Amino acid sequence: MEELTTDTLEDALNDDEHIVLIRLTFRDRGPQAHTFRAERAALQQMGATYDYRIRAWRVPSDPQLAEPLARMLRRTSAVAYVAHELEDLSADMF
């Protein structure tokens, strides 16, 4: 598993053998709490599903999501990762 940049995000979304994961950071005070809820709602609208086992969002492999996700990564504390489909993932890997 490796961290993605906004430049490599589109390539990862085009590859069916890899999974794109988004990790959000929650802060329960101030405007960051509102930002977290907005990020979560945006991921749900994009069709991402939350995996409780690894505590990250699985993003569907859709090249049209590259620009909205890149915008989210630039503006928020979200971090994107790419993992091979067969890789055994755990929350400790983040």
N, C-alpha and C. Protein backbone atom coordinates (compact mmCIF):
# COMPACT_ATOMS: atom_id res chain seq x y z
N MET A 1 0.85 -1.16 0.00
CA MET A 1 0.00 0.00 0.00
C MET A 1 0.90 1.23 0.00
N GLU A 2 0.52 2.22 -0.79
CA GLU A 2 1.30 3.45 -0.84
C GLU A 2 0.37 4.66 -0.91
N GLU A 3 0.88 5.79 -0.48
CA GLU A 3 0.11 7.02 -0.49
C GLU A 3 0.04 7.58 -1.91
N LEU A 4 -1.12 8.12 -2.26
CA LEU A 4 -1.32 8.71 -3.58
C LEU A 4 -1.18 10.22 -3.52
N THR A 5 -0.77 10.79 -4.64
CA THR A 5 -0.79 12.24 -4.79
C THR A 5 -1.91 12.57 -5.78
N THR A 6 -2.20 13.84 -5.93
CA THR A 6 -3.24 14.23 -6.87
C THR A 6 -2.84 13.91 -8.31
N ASP A 7 -1.53 13.82 -8.58
CA ASP A 7 -1.06 13.49 -9.92
C ASP A 7 -1.26 12.02 -10.27
N THR A 8 -1.13 11.14 -9.30
CA THR A 8 -1.24 9.70 -9.55
C THR A 8 -2.63 9.15 -9.27
N LEU A 9 -3.53 9.98 -8.83
CA LEU A 9 -4.88 9.54 -8.47
C LEU A 9 -5.64 8.99 -9.67
N GLU A 10 -5.59 9.67 -10.80
CA GLU A 10 -6.35 9.23 -11.97
C GLU A 10 -5.87 7.87 -12.47
N ASP A 11 -4.56 7.63 -12.47
CA ASP A 11 -4.04 6.34 -12.89
C ASP A 11 -4.53 5.22 -11.98
N ALA A 12 -4.58 5.47 -10.69
CA ALA A 12 -5.05 4.47 -9.74
C ALA A 12 -6.54 4.17 -9.93
N LEU A 13 -7.33 5.19 -10.26
CA LEU A 13 -8.77 4.97 -10.48
C LEU A 13 -9.04 4.23 -11.78
N ASN A 14 -8.13 4.30 -12.74
CA ASN A 14 -8.29 3.59 -14.00
C ASN A 14 -7.89 2.13 -13.91
N ASP A 15 -7.17 1.76 -12.89
CA ASP A 15 -6.64 0.40 -12.74
C ASP A 15 -7.60 -0.46 -11.93
N ASP A 16 -8.12 -1.52 -12.55
CA ASP A 16 -9.08 -2.39 -11.87
C ASP A 16 -8.43 -3.32 -10.85
N GLU A 17 -7.11 -3.49 -10.91
CA GLU A 17 -6.43 -4.39 -9.99
C GLU A 17 -6.08 -3.73 -8.66
N HIS A 18 -6.34 -2.43 -8.54
CA HIS A 18 -6.00 -1.71 -7.33
C HIS A 18 -7.25 -1.09 -6.70
N ILE A 19 -7.16 -0.87 -5.41
CA ILE A 19 -8.24 -0.26 -4.64
C ILE A 19 -7.75 1.11 -4.16
N VAL A 20 -8.58 2.12 -4.33
CA VAL A 20 -8.25 3.45 -3.81
C VAL A 20 -8.99 3.62 -2.49
N LEU A 21 -8.23 4.00 -1.47
CA LEU A 21 -8.77 4.18 -0.12
C LEU A 21 -8.54 5.62 0.32
N ILE A 22 -9.53 6.19 0.99
CA ILE A 22 -9.43 7.54 1.52
C ILE A 22 -9.54 7.47 3.04
N ARG A 23 -8.62 8.11 3.70
CA ARG A 23 -8.63 8.15 5.17
C ARG A 23 -8.92 9.58 5.61
N LEU A 24 -9.94 9.77 6.41
CA LEU A 24 -10.31 11.09 6.93
C LEU A 24 -9.83 11.22 8.37
N THR A 25 -9.53 12.44 8.77
CA THR A 25 -9.12 12.72 10.14
C THR A 25 -10.23 13.51 10.81
N PHE A 26 -10.73 12.99 11.93
CA PHE A 26 -11.83 13.65 12.62
C PHE A 26 -11.31 14.51 13.76
N ARG A 27 -11.78 15.73 13.80
CA ARG A 27 -11.53 16.63 14.92
C ARG A 27 -12.90 17.09 15.42
N ASP A 28 -13.17 16.84 16.69
CA ASP A 28 -14.53 17.05 17.20
C ASP A 28 -14.82 18.46 17.67
N ARG A 29 -13.94 19.41 17.43
CA ARG A 29 -14.20 20.79 17.87
C ARG A 29 -13.98 21.76 16.72
N GLY A 30 -14.76 22.82 16.76
CA GLY A 30 -14.55 23.90 15.80
C GLY A 30 -15.00 23.57 14.40
N PRO A 31 -14.52 24.33 13.45
CA PRO A 31 -14.96 24.17 12.06
C PRO A 31 -14.50 22.85 11.43
N GLN A 32 -13.49 22.19 12.02
CA GLN A 32 -13.03 20.93 11.45
C GLN A 32 -14.10 19.85 11.53
N ALA A 33 -14.95 19.89 12.55
CA ALA A 33 -16.02 18.91 12.67
C ALA A 33 -16.99 19.05 11.50
N HIS A 34 -17.30 20.27 11.12
CA HIS A 34 -18.17 20.50 9.97
C HIS A 34 -17.51 20.01 8.69
N THR A 35 -16.21 20.26 8.54
CA THR A 35 -15.48 19.82 7.36
C THR A 35 -15.48 18.31 7.25
N PHE A 36 -15.31 17.62 8.37
CA PHE A 36 -15.32 16.16 8.37
C PHE A 36 -16.66 15.63 7.87
N ARG A 37 -17.74 16.21 8.36
CA ARG A 37 -19.07 15.75 7.93
C ARG A 37 -19.28 16.04 6.44
N ALA A 38 -18.78 17.15 5.96
CA ALA A 38 -18.90 17.48 4.53
C ALA A 38 -18.07 16.52 3.68
N GLU A 39 -16.88 16.17 4.13
CA GLU A 39 -16.04 15.21 3.41
C GLU A 39 -16.73 13.85 3.35
N ARG A 40 -17.29 13.43 4.48
CA ARG A 40 -17.97 12.14 4.53
C ARG A 40 -19.18 12.12 3.59
N ALA A 41 -19.94 13.20 3.58
CA ALA A 41 -21.10 13.28 2.68
C ALA A 41 -20.66 13.27 1.22
N ALA A 42 -19.57 13.96 0.91
CA ALA A 42 -19.07 13.98 -0.47
C ALA A 42 -18.62 12.59 -0.91
N LEU A 43 -17.95 11.87 -0.04
CA LEU A 43 -17.53 10.51 -0.38
C LEU A 43 -18.73 9.60 -0.61
N GLN A 44 -19.76 9.74 0.21
CA GLN A 44 -20.97 8.94 0.03
C GLN A 44 -21.63 9.25 -1.30
N GLN A 45 -21.66 10.53 -1.70
CA GLN A 45 -22.24 10.90 -2.99
C GLN A 45 -21.45 10.32 -4.15
N MET A 46 -20.15 10.17 -3.98
CA MET A 46 -19.30 9.59 -5.03
C MET A 46 -19.44 8.08 -5.12
N GLY A 47 -20.15 7.49 -4.18
CA GLY A 47 -20.34 6.05 -4.20
C GLY A 47 -19.34 5.28 -3.35
N ALA A 48 -18.56 5.99 -2.55
CA ALA A 48 -17.58 5.33 -1.69
C ALA A 48 -18.30 4.66 -0.52
N THR A 49 -17.72 3.57 -0.05
CA THR A 49 -18.28 2.85 1.09
C THR A 49 -17.23 2.80 2.20
N TYR A 50 -17.71 2.90 3.43
CA TYR A 50 -16.80 2.88 4.57
C TYR A 50 -16.55 1.45 4.99
N ASP A 51 -15.28 1.08 5.12
CA ASP A 51 -14.90 -0.25 5.57
C ASP A 51 -14.46 -0.14 7.03
N TYR A 52 -15.29 -0.65 7.94
CA TYR A 52 -15.01 -0.53 9.37
C TYR A 52 -13.77 -1.31 9.78
N ARG A 53 -13.48 -2.38 9.07
CA ARG A 53 -12.33 -3.21 9.41
C ARG A 53 -11.01 -2.46 9.26
N ILE A 54 -10.90 -1.66 8.20
CA ILE A 54 -9.65 -0.92 7.96
C ILE A 54 -9.79 0.56 8.28
N ARG A 55 -11.00 1.00 8.65
CA ARG A 55 -11.28 2.40 9.01
C ARG A 55 -10.91 3.36 7.89
N ALA A 56 -11.36 3.04 6.70
CA ALA A 56 -11.08 3.90 5.54
C ALA A 56 -12.23 3.75 4.54
N TRP A 57 -12.32 4.70 3.62
CA TRP A 57 -13.35 4.70 2.59
C TRP A 57 -12.82 4.04 1.33
N ARG A 58 -13.57 3.09 0.78
CA ARG A 58 -13.22 2.46 -0.49
C ARG A 58 -13.91 3.24 -1.60
N VAL A 59 -13.11 3.74 -2.53
CA VAL A 59 -13.63 4.55 -3.63
C VAL A 59 -13.79 3.66 -4.85
N PRO A 60 -14.93 3.73 -5.56
CA PRO A 60 -15.10 2.92 -6.76
C PRO A 60 -14.11 3.32 -7.85
N SER A 61 -13.75 2.36 -8.70
CA SER A 61 -12.81 2.61 -9.80
C SER A 61 -13.55 3.31 -10.93
N ASP A 62 -13.60 4.62 -10.86
CA ASP A 62 -14.28 5.43 -11.86
C ASP A 62 -13.40 6.64 -12.18
N PRO A 63 -12.88 6.74 -13.41
CA PRO A 63 -11.99 7.85 -13.77
C PRO A 63 -12.65 9.22 -13.62
N GLN A 64 -13.97 9.29 -13.67
CA GLN A 64 -14.66 10.58 -13.53
C GLN A 64 -14.55 11.14 -12.11
N LEU A 65 -14.16 10.30 -11.15
CA LEU A 65 -14.02 10.76 -9.77
C LEU A 65 -12.65 11.38 -9.50
N ALA A 66 -11.76 11.33 -10.46
CA ALA A 66 -10.39 11.81 -10.25
C ALA A 66 -10.36 13.29 -9.87
N GLU A 67 -11.06 14.13 -10.59
CA GLU A 67 -11.02 15.57 -10.32
C GLU A 67 -11.68 15.94 -8.99
N PRO A 68 -12.89 15.42 -8.68
CA PRO A 68 -13.47 15.76 -7.37
C PRO A 68 -12.62 15.25 -6.19
N LEU A 69 -12.04 14.06 -6.34
CA LEU A 69 -11.19 13.54 -5.26
C LEU A 69 -9.91 14.35 -5.13
N ALA A 70 -9.33 14.75 -6.25
CA ALA A 70 -8.10 15.56 -6.20
C ALA A 70 -8.39 16.90 -5.52
N ARG A 71 -9.54 17.48 -5.81
CA ARG A 71 -9.93 18.73 -5.17
C ARG A 71 -10.08 18.53 -3.66
N MET A 72 -10.70 17.42 -3.26
CA MET A 72 -10.87 17.13 -1.84
C MET A 72 -9.52 16.95 -1.16
N LEU A 73 -8.60 16.26 -1.80
CA LEU A 73 -7.29 16.03 -1.20
C LEU A 73 -6.49 17.32 -1.05
N ARG A 74 -6.66 18.23 -1.98
CA ARG A 74 -5.94 19.51 -1.90
C ARG A 74 -6.49 20.41 -0.80
N ARG A 75 -7.79 20.34 -0.55
CA ARG A 75 -8.45 21.29 0.36
C ARG A 75 -8.67 20.79 1.77
N THR A 76 -8.51 19.51 2.00
CA THR A 76 -8.84 18.95 3.32
C THR A 76 -7.67 18.15 3.87
N SER A 77 -7.91 17.53 5.00
CA SER A 77 -6.89 16.68 5.63
C SER A 77 -7.00 15.22 5.19
N ALA A 78 -7.83 14.94 4.21
CA ALA A 78 -7.99 13.57 3.72
C ALA A 78 -6.70 13.11 3.04
N VAL A 79 -6.43 11.81 3.16
CA VAL A 79 -5.24 11.22 2.55
C VAL A 79 -5.70 10.02 1.73
N ALA A 80 -5.16 9.89 0.51
CA ALA A 80 -5.53 8.79 -0.38
C ALA A 80 -4.41 7.76 -0.43
N TYR A 81 -4.81 6.49 -0.48
CA TYR A 81 -3.87 5.38 -0.59
C TYR A 81 -4.33 4.47 -1.71
N VAL A 82 -3.39 3.74 -2.28
CA VAL A 82 -3.72 2.72 -3.26
C VAL A 82 -3.15 1.40 -2.75
N ALA A 83 -3.95 0.34 -2.90
CA ALA A 83 -3.53 -0.99 -2.48
C ALA A 83 -3.92 -1.98 -3.56
N HIS A 84 -3.18 -3.06 -3.65
CA HIS A 84 -3.52 -4.11 -4.60
C HIS A 84 -4.78 -4.81 -4.11
N GLU A 85 -5.60 -5.23 -5.05
CA GLU A 85 -6.89 -5.84 -4.71
C GLU A 85 -6.75 -7.05 -3.79
N LEU A 86 -5.69 -7.83 -3.96
CA LEU A 86 -5.51 -9.04 -3.18
C LEU A 86 -4.73 -8.81 -1.88
N GLU A 87 -4.28 -7.59 -1.65
CA GLU A 87 -3.50 -7.28 -0.46
C GLU A 87 -4.37 -7.37 0.79
N ASP A 88 -3.83 -7.98 1.83
CA ASP A 88 -4.54 -8.10 3.09
C ASP A 88 -4.40 -6.78 3.85
N LEU A 89 -5.49 -6.07 4.02
CA LEU A 89 -5.46 -4.73 4.62
C LEU A 89 -5.88 -4.78 6.08
N SER A 90 -5.29 -3.89 6.87
CA SER A 90 -5.71 -3.73 8.26
C SER A 90 -5.59 -2.25 8.62
N ALA A 91 -6.24 -1.87 9.70
CA ALA A 91 -6.23 -0.47 10.13
C ALA A 91 -4.83 -0.04 10.55
N ASP A 92 -4.00 -0.97 10.99
CA ASP A 92 -2.64 -0.64 11.42
C ASP A 92 -1.75 -0.20 10.27
N MET A 93 -2.13 -0.50 9.04
CA MET A 93 -1.31 -0.15 7.88
C MET A 93 -1.34 1.34 7.59
N PHE A 94 -2.32 2.05 8.13
CA PHE A 94 -2.43 3.48 7.88
C PHE A 94 -1.58 4.20 8.86
